[in-house]
Amino acid sequence: MKVSAAALPFLILAAALGLPTHATFRHRSPTPDARHTSDCCFSYGTQNVQCEFMEDYYETSSKCSQPAVIFITKRGQQVCADHHSRRVRHCMEDLDSAKKQRKRIG
């Protein structure tokens, strides 16, 4: 796999800082609210999901060739993750709990 010279420093920095890196998408929705009926992942992110960086998530459509969860980071990036992973499921539960908590308060 070729990595462009411009992308290499970013990937090295992301790995050094432990930031999530995202994988390949078939489509990226123009707005977060236009979710996400056609988003598919061709691979999963190379780093473990770090839930403290995540703001939201959604699961890919059953029409996708590879089932996945797409997390949205607090910076608005999308990260593909294996929906079978225990860590991913735990993060999904944490985000669901936080949403319920915000609804009770607000």
C-alpha atoms as a PDB file:
ATOM      1  CA  MET A   1       0.000   0.000   0.000  1.00  0.00           C
ATOM      2  CA  LYS A   2       1.407   3.389  -0.990  1.00  0.00           C
ATOM      3  CA  VAL A   3       1.281   6.281   1.449  1.00  0.00           C
ATOM      4  CA  SER A   4       1.740   9.754   0.041  1.00  0.00           C
ATOM      5  CA  ALA A   5       4.586  11.862   1.390  1.00  0.00           C
ATOM      6  CA  ALA A   6       2.059  14.423   2.675  1.00  0.00           C
ATOM      7  CA  ALA A   7       0.045  11.827   4.595  1.00  0.00           C
ATOM      8  CA  LEU A   8       2.977  10.047   6.218  1.00  0.00           C
ATOM      9  CA  PRO A   9       3.773  12.754   8.828  1.00  0.00           C
ATOM     10  CA  PHE A  10       0.099  12.905   9.808  1.00  0.00           C
ATOM     11  CA  LEU A  11      -0.081   9.138  10.298  1.00  0.00           C
ATOM     12  CA  ILE A  12       3.118   9.131  12.348  1.00  0.00           C
ATOM     13  CA  LEU A  13       1.809  11.978  14.528  1.00  0.00           C
ATOM     14  CA  ALA A  14      -1.566  10.278  14.985  1.00  0.00           C
ATOM     15  CA  ALA A  15       0.126   7.035  16.023  1.00  0.00           C
ATOM     16  CA  ALA A  16       2.465   8.851  18.425  1.00  0.00           C
ATOM     17  CA  LEU A  17      -0.422  10.705  20.074  1.00  0.00           C
ATOM     18  CA  GLY A  18      -2.652   7.644  20.160  1.00  0.00           C
ATOM     19  CA  LEU A  19      -5.304   9.400  18.067  1.00  0.00           C
ATOM     20  CA  PRO A  20      -7.776   7.271  16.191  1.00  0.00           C
ATOM     21  CA  THR A  21      -7.146   6.841  12.509  1.00  0.00           C
ATOM     22  CA  HIS A  22     -10.039   6.209  10.188  1.00  0.00           C
ATOM     23  CA  ALA A  23     -10.491   3.710   7.451  1.00  0.00           C
ATOM     24  CA  THR A  24     -11.925   3.866   3.951  1.00  0.00           C
ATOM     25  CA  PHE A  25     -15.552   4.861   3.311  1.00  0.00           C
ATOM     26  CA  ARG A  26     -17.700   4.437   0.276  1.00  0.00           C
ATOM     27  CA  HIS A  27     -19.615   7.643   1.001  1.00  0.00           C
ATOM     28  CA  ARG A  28     -19.448  10.445   3.510  1.00  0.00           C
ATOM     29  CA  SER A  29     -22.649  12.266   4.352  1.00  0.00           C
ATOM     30  CA  PRO A  30     -22.557  16.028   3.841  1.00  0.00           C
ATOM     31  CA  THR A  31     -24.063  16.755   7.246  1.00  0.00           C
ATOM     32  CA  PRO A  32     -24.224  14.793  10.482  1.00  0.00           C
ATOM     33  CA  ASP A  33     -28.025  14.896  10.420  1.00  0.00           C
ATOM     34  CA  ALA A  34     -28.325  13.364   6.933  1.00  0.00           C
ATOM     35  CA  ARG A  35     -27.364  10.006   8.392  1.00  0.00           C
ATOM     36  CA  HIS A  36     -25.959   7.747   6.937  1.00  0.00           C
ATOM     37  CA  THR A  37     -27.874   5.306   4.948  1.00  0.00           C
ATOM     38  CA  SER A  38     -25.163   4.809   2.361  1.00  0.00           C
ATOM     39  CA  ASP A  39     -21.996   4.883   4.489  1.00  0.00           C
ATOM     40  CA  CYS A  40     -20.000   1.659   4.309  1.00  0.00           C
ATOM     41  CA  CYS A  41     -16.565   0.698   5.606  1.00  0.00           C
ATOM     42  CA  PHE A  42     -14.087  -1.254   3.531  1.00  0.00           C
ATOM     43  CA  SER A  43     -11.731  -1.710   6.466  1.00  0.00           C
ATOM     44  CA  TYR A  44     -11.600  -0.972  10.175  1.00  0.00           C
ATOM     45  CA  GLY A  45      -9.440   1.687  11.813  1.00  0.00           C
ATOM     46  CA  THR A  46      -5.954   0.542  12.721  1.00  0.00           C
ATOM     47  CA  GLN A  47      -6.049   1.832  16.298  1.00  0.00           C
ATOM     48  CA  ASN A  48      -8.208   0.633  19.154  1.00  0.00           C
ATOM     49  CA  VAL A  49     -11.298   2.767  19.651  1.00  0.00           C
ATOM     50  CA  GLN A  50     -10.622   5.381  22.307  1.00  0.00           C
ATOM     51  CA  CYS A  51     -14.066   6.243  23.574  1.00  0.00           C
ATOM     52  CA  GLU A  52     -12.994   9.511  25.207  1.00  0.00           C
ATOM     53  CA  PHE A  53     -12.451  10.940  21.688  1.00  0.00           C
ATOM     54  CA  MET A  54     -15.889   9.858  20.422  1.00  0.00           C
ATOM     55  CA  GLU A  55     -19.054  11.928  20.354  1.00  0.00           C
ATOM     56  CA  ASP A  56     -21.540   9.708  18.548  1.00  0.00           C
ATOM     57  CA  TYR A  57     -21.825   6.567  16.430  1.00  0.00           C
ATOM     58  CA  TYR A  58     -24.053   4.755  13.982  1.00  0.00           C
ATOM     59  CA  GLU A  59     -24.054   1.288  12.507  1.00  0.00           C
ATOM     60  CA  THR A  60     -23.621   0.738   8.791  1.00  0.00           C
ATOM     61  CA  SER A  61     -26.453  -0.521   6.634  1.00  0.00           C
ATOM     62  CA  SER A  62     -27.088  -4.222   6.190  1.00  0.00           C
ATOM     63  CA  LYS A  63     -26.491  -3.561   2.467  1.00  0.00           C
ATOM     64  CA  CYS A  64     -22.783  -2.966   3.161  1.00  0.00           C
ATOM     65  CA  SER A  65     -20.453  -5.865   2.417  1.00  0.00           C
ATOM     66  CA  GLN A  66     -18.720  -5.503   5.784  1.00  0.00           C
ATOM     67  CA  PRO A  67     -20.743  -4.742   8.932  1.00  0.00           C
ATOM     68  CA  ALA A  68     -19.241  -1.959  11.005  1.00  0.00           C
ATOM     69  CA  VAL A  69     -19.834   0.830  13.484  1.00  0.00           C
ATOM     70  CA  ILE A  70     -18.855   4.325  12.422  1.00  0.00           C
ATOM     71  CA  PHE A  71     -17.857   6.542  15.321  1.00  0.00           C
ATOM     72  CA  ILE A  72     -17.863  10.318  14.978  1.00  0.00           C
ATOM     73  CA  THR A  73     -15.037  11.941  16.904  1.00  0.00           C
ATOM     74  CA  LYS A  74     -15.354  15.184  18.822  1.00  0.00           C
ATOM     75  CA  ARG A  75     -13.485  16.785  15.903  1.00  0.00           C
ATOM     76  CA  GLY A  76     -16.033  15.501  13.404  1.00  0.00           C
ATOM     77  CA  GLN A  77     -13.955  12.716  11.842  1.00  0.00           C
ATOM     78  CA  GLN A  78     -15.491   9.340  11.107  1.00  0.00           C
ATOM     79  CA  VAL A  79     -13.804   6.148  12.292  1.00  0.00           C
ATOM     80  CA  CYS A  80     -14.756   2.647  11.149  1.00  0.00           C
ATOM     81  CA  ALA A  81     -14.711  -0.027  13.837  1.00  0.00           C
ATOM     82  CA  ASP A  82     -15.468  -3.737  14.083  1.00  0.00           C
ATOM     83  CA  HIS A  83     -18.950  -4.093  15.551  1.00  0.00           C
ATOM     84  CA  HIS A  84     -17.969  -7.467  17.050  1.00  0.00           C
ATOM     85  CA  SER A  85     -15.255  -5.941  19.227  1.00  0.00           C
ATOM     86  CA  ARG A  86     -15.991  -5.867  22.944  1.00  0.00           C
ATOM     87  CA  ARG A  87     -14.286  -2.485  23.249  1.00  0.00           C
ATOM     88  CA  VAL A  88     -16.493  -1.070  20.463  1.00  0.00           C
ATOM     89  CA  ARG A  89     -19.670  -2.403  22.097  1.00  0.00           C
ATOM     90  CA  HIS A  90     -18.601  -0.925  25.445  1.00  0.00           C
ATOM     91  CA  CYS A  91     -17.999   2.474  23.842  1.00  0.00           C
ATOM     92  CA  MET A  92     -21.408   2.321  22.142  1.00  0.00           C
ATOM     93  CA  GLU A  93     -23.041   1.633  25.521  1.00  0.00           C
ATOM     94  CA  ASP A  94     -21.148   4.531  27.135  1.00  0.00           C
ATOM     95  CA  LEU A  95     -22.251   6.915  24.393  1.00  0.00           C
ATOM     96  CA  ASP A  96     -25.874   5.730  24.698  1.00  0.00           C
ATOM     97  CA  SER A  97     -25.777   6.294  28.465  1.00  0.00           C
ATOM     98  CA  ALA A  98     -24.338   9.786  27.992  1.00  0.00           C
ATOM     99  CA  LYS A  99     -27.133  10.625  25.503  1.00  0.00           C
ATOM    100  CA  LYS A 100     -29.798   9.482  27.958  1.00  0.00           C
ATOM    101  CA  GLN A 101     -28.155  11.511  30.710  1.00  0.00           C
ATOM    102  CA  ARG A 102     -28.123  14.657  28.535  1.00  0.00           C
ATOM    103  CA  LYS A 103     -31.813  14.184  27.674  1.00  0.00           C
ATOM    104  CA  ARG A 104     -32.740  13.955  31.361  1.00  0.00           C
ATOM    105  CA  ILE A 105     -30.831  17.122  32.185  1.00  0.00           C
ATOM    106  CA  GLY A 106     -31.875  19.121  29.102  1.00  0.00           C
END
